[in-house]
Amino acid sequence: MPRLTLRVPHPLGVAEAISRLRSRADSIRAAYQSHVADLVESWDGDSMTCRFSVMGQRVEGAMRVFPGEVQIVLELPLLAMMFRSAIEARTCEEISRLLAT
């Protein structure tokens, strides 16, 4: 599967960024429940792994919080690559908004 790597800068400390990201998971799940199925996430310190299905296509991802930056890596199905720009823009927008001061 093609890989998409995103880096989103943030002004927060690592602990605050993780706290905000973890607390947002339930609302993301609710907001996208009509599009996303089988969402499973797991946190280990400053790293999160997840997997889910969109329109029957499986997506796997990982996120790591660094001082000043969140790195997101998504393994996308080939079909999703035609939406790559939209996925990048929406993901960066959501994370930036969440981690703004």
C-alpha atoms as a PDB file:
ATOM      1  CA  MET A   1       0.000   0.000   0.000  1.00  0.00           C
ATOM      2  CA  PRO A   2       1.235   3.525  -0.713  1.00  0.00           C
ATOM      3  CA  ARG A   3       2.478   5.498   2.268  1.00  0.00           C
ATOM      4  CA  LEU A   4       1.481   9.055   3.136  1.00  0.00           C
ATOM      5  CA  THR A   5       3.638  10.883   5.696  1.00  0.00           C
ATOM      6  CA  LEU A   6       2.473  14.160   7.217  1.00  0.00           C
ATOM      7  CA  ARG A   7       4.176  16.506   9.647  1.00  0.00           C
ATOM      8  CA  VAL A   8       2.029  18.998  11.508  1.00  0.00           C
ATOM      9  CA  PRO A   9       3.745  21.662  13.629  1.00  0.00           C
ATOM     10  CA  HIS A  10       2.246  22.573  17.007  1.00  0.00           C
ATOM     11  CA  PRO A  11       3.069  25.051  19.808  1.00  0.00           C
ATOM     12  CA  LEU A  12       2.257  22.729  22.727  1.00  0.00           C
ATOM     13  CA  GLY A  13       4.299  20.540  25.001  1.00  0.00           C
ATOM     14  CA  VAL A  14       4.223  16.831  24.216  1.00  0.00           C
ATOM     15  CA  ALA A  15       1.998  15.937  27.192  1.00  0.00           C
ATOM     16  CA  GLU A  16      -0.637  18.572  26.317  1.00  0.00           C
ATOM     17  CA  ALA A  17      -0.616  17.585  22.636  1.00  0.00           C
ATOM     18  CA  ILE A  18      -1.123  13.916  23.540  1.00  0.00           C
ATOM     19  CA  SER A  19      -3.913  14.804  25.950  1.00  0.00           C
ATOM     20  CA  ARG A  20      -5.778  16.779  23.286  1.00  0.00           C
ATOM     21  CA  LEU A  21      -5.310  14.103  20.638  1.00  0.00           C
ATOM     22  CA  ARG A  22      -6.499  11.331  22.947  1.00  0.00           C
ATOM     23  CA  SER A  23      -9.557  13.276  24.090  1.00  0.00           C
ATOM     24  CA  ARG A  24     -10.595  13.992  20.486  1.00  0.00           C
ATOM     25  CA  ALA A  25     -10.732  10.340  19.411  1.00  0.00           C
ATOM     26  CA  ASP A  26     -14.349   9.769  20.488  1.00  0.00           C
ATOM     27  CA  SER A  27     -15.644  12.875  18.734  1.00  0.00           C
ATOM     28  CA  ILE A  28     -13.758  11.936  15.549  1.00  0.00           C
ATOM     29  CA  ARG A  29     -15.304   8.491  15.703  1.00  0.00           C
ATOM     30  CA  ALA A  30     -18.783  10.031  16.075  1.00  0.00           C
ATOM     31  CA  ALA A  31     -18.265  12.665  13.368  1.00  0.00           C
ATOM     32  CA  TYR A  32     -17.128  10.151  10.752  1.00  0.00           C
ATOM     33  CA  GLN A  33     -19.158   7.112  11.802  1.00  0.00           C
ATOM     34  CA  SER A  34     -21.077   7.053   8.519  1.00  0.00           C
ATOM     35  CA  HIS A  35     -17.786   6.783   6.572  1.00  0.00           C
ATOM     36  CA  VAL A  36     -15.377   4.980   8.904  1.00  0.00           C
ATOM     37  CA  ALA A  37     -15.846   1.432  10.193  1.00  0.00           C
ATOM     38  CA  ASP A  38     -13.906  -0.861  12.501  1.00  0.00           C
ATOM     39  CA  LEU A  39     -11.789   1.920  14.015  1.00  0.00           C
ATOM     40  CA  VAL A  40      -9.232   0.540  16.462  1.00  0.00           C
ATOM     41  CA  GLU A  41      -6.603   2.706  18.111  1.00  0.00           C
ATOM     42  CA  SER A  42      -3.880   1.990  20.633  1.00  0.00           C
ATOM     43  CA  TRP A  43      -1.642   4.460  22.487  1.00  0.00           C
ATOM     44  CA  ASP A  44       1.806   3.665  23.852  1.00  0.00           C
ATOM     45  CA  GLY A  45       3.397   6.734  25.404  1.00  0.00           C
ATOM     46  CA  ASP A  46       3.806   9.368  22.691  1.00  0.00           C
ATOM     47  CA  SER A  47       2.791   7.016  19.852  1.00  0.00           C
ATOM     48  CA  MET A  48      -0.553   5.836  18.551  1.00  0.00           C
ATOM     49  CA  THR A  49      -1.364   3.161  16.008  1.00  0.00           C
ATOM     50  CA  CYS A  50      -4.739   2.733  14.351  1.00  0.00           C
ATOM     51  CA  ARG A  51      -6.580   0.850  11.684  1.00  0.00           C
ATOM     52  CA  PHE A  52      -9.974   1.368  10.127  1.00  0.00           C
ATOM     53  CA  SER A  53     -11.985   0.860   6.951  1.00  0.00           C
ATOM     54  CA  VAL A  54     -13.343   3.521   4.623  1.00  0.00           C
ATOM     55  CA  MET A  55     -15.728   2.427   1.872  1.00  0.00           C
ATOM     56  CA  GLY A  56     -14.555  -1.137   2.399  1.00  0.00           C
ATOM     57  CA  GLN A  57     -10.887  -0.186   2.020  1.00  0.00           C
ATOM     58  CA  ARG A  58      -8.526  -0.847   4.923  1.00  0.00           C
ATOM     59  CA  VAL A  59      -6.286   1.964   6.209  1.00  0.00           C
ATOM     60  CA  GLU A  60      -3.506   1.589   8.765  1.00  0.00           C
ATOM     61  CA  GLY A  61      -1.706   4.415  10.432  1.00  0.00           C
ATOM     62  CA  ALA A  62       0.612   5.617  13.143  1.00  0.00           C
ATOM     63  CA  MET A  63       1.072   8.932  14.850  1.00  0.00           C
ATOM     64  CA  ARG A  64       3.908  10.126  17.042  1.00  0.00           C
ATOM     65  CA  VAL A  65       4.002  13.332  19.032  1.00  0.00           C
ATOM     66  CA  PHE A  66       7.314  15.179  19.152  1.00  0.00           C
ATOM     67  CA  PRO A  67       8.116  18.545  20.729  1.00  0.00           C
ATOM     68  CA  GLY A  68       6.754  21.034  18.194  1.00  0.00           C
ATOM     69  CA  GLU A  69       5.514  18.450  15.675  1.00  0.00           C
ATOM     70  CA  VAL A  70       3.121  15.558  15.164  1.00  0.00           C
ATOM     71  CA  GLN A  71       4.171  12.973  12.591  1.00  0.00           C
ATOM     72  CA  ILE A  72       1.431  10.920  10.949  1.00  0.00           C
ATOM     73  CA  VAL A  73       2.058   7.950   8.660  1.00  0.00           C
ATOM     74  CA  LEU A  74      -0.847   6.371   6.798  1.00  0.00           C
ATOM     75  CA  GLU A  75      -0.770   3.247   4.690  1.00  0.00           C
ATOM     76  CA  LEU A  76      -3.459   3.945   2.114  1.00  0.00           C
ATOM     77  CA  PRO A  77      -5.088   1.576  -0.324  1.00  0.00           C
ATOM     78  CA  LEU A  78      -4.251   2.339  -3.937  1.00  0.00           C
ATOM     79  CA  LEU A  79      -7.825   3.467  -4.562  1.00  0.00           C
ATOM     80  CA  ALA A  80      -7.457   6.228  -1.930  1.00  0.00           C
ATOM     81  CA  MET A  81      -4.444   7.781  -3.653  1.00  0.00           C
ATOM     82  CA  MET A  82      -6.712   9.749  -5.978  1.00  0.00           C
ATOM     83  CA  PHE A  83      -7.896  11.563  -2.827  1.00  0.00           C
ATOM     84  CA  ARG A  84      -4.376  12.069  -1.461  1.00  0.00           C
ATOM     85  CA  SER A  85      -4.450  15.878  -1.578  1.00  0.00           C
ATOM     86  CA  ALA A  86      -7.818  16.030   0.166  1.00  0.00           C
ATOM     87  CA  ILE A  87      -6.681  13.538   2.820  1.00  0.00           C
ATOM     88  CA  GLU A  88      -3.502  15.540   3.456  1.00  0.00           C
ATOM     89  CA  ALA A  89      -5.332  18.864   3.673  1.00  0.00           C
ATOM     90  CA  ARG A  90      -8.146  17.630   5.929  1.00  0.00           C
ATOM     91  CA  THR A  91      -5.839  15.724   8.272  1.00  0.00           C
ATOM     92  CA  CYS A  92      -3.423  18.646   8.671  1.00  0.00           C
ATOM     93  CA  GLU A  93      -6.316  21.071   9.151  1.00  0.00           C
ATOM     94  CA  GLU A  94      -7.967  18.934  11.857  1.00  0.00           C
ATOM     95  CA  ILE A  95      -4.728  18.324  13.776  1.00  0.00           C
ATOM     96  CA  SER A  96      -3.647  21.977  13.517  1.00  0.00           C
ATOM     97  CA  ARG A  97      -7.006  23.191  14.796  1.00  0.00           C
ATOM     98  CA  LEU A  98      -6.972  20.735  17.676  1.00  0.00           C
ATOM     99  CA  LEU A  99      -3.442  21.646  18.745  1.00  0.00           C
ATOM    100  CA  ALA A 100      -3.738  25.420  18.339  1.00  0.00           C
ATOM    101  CA  THR A 101      -3.259  27.390  21.546  1.00  0.00           C
END
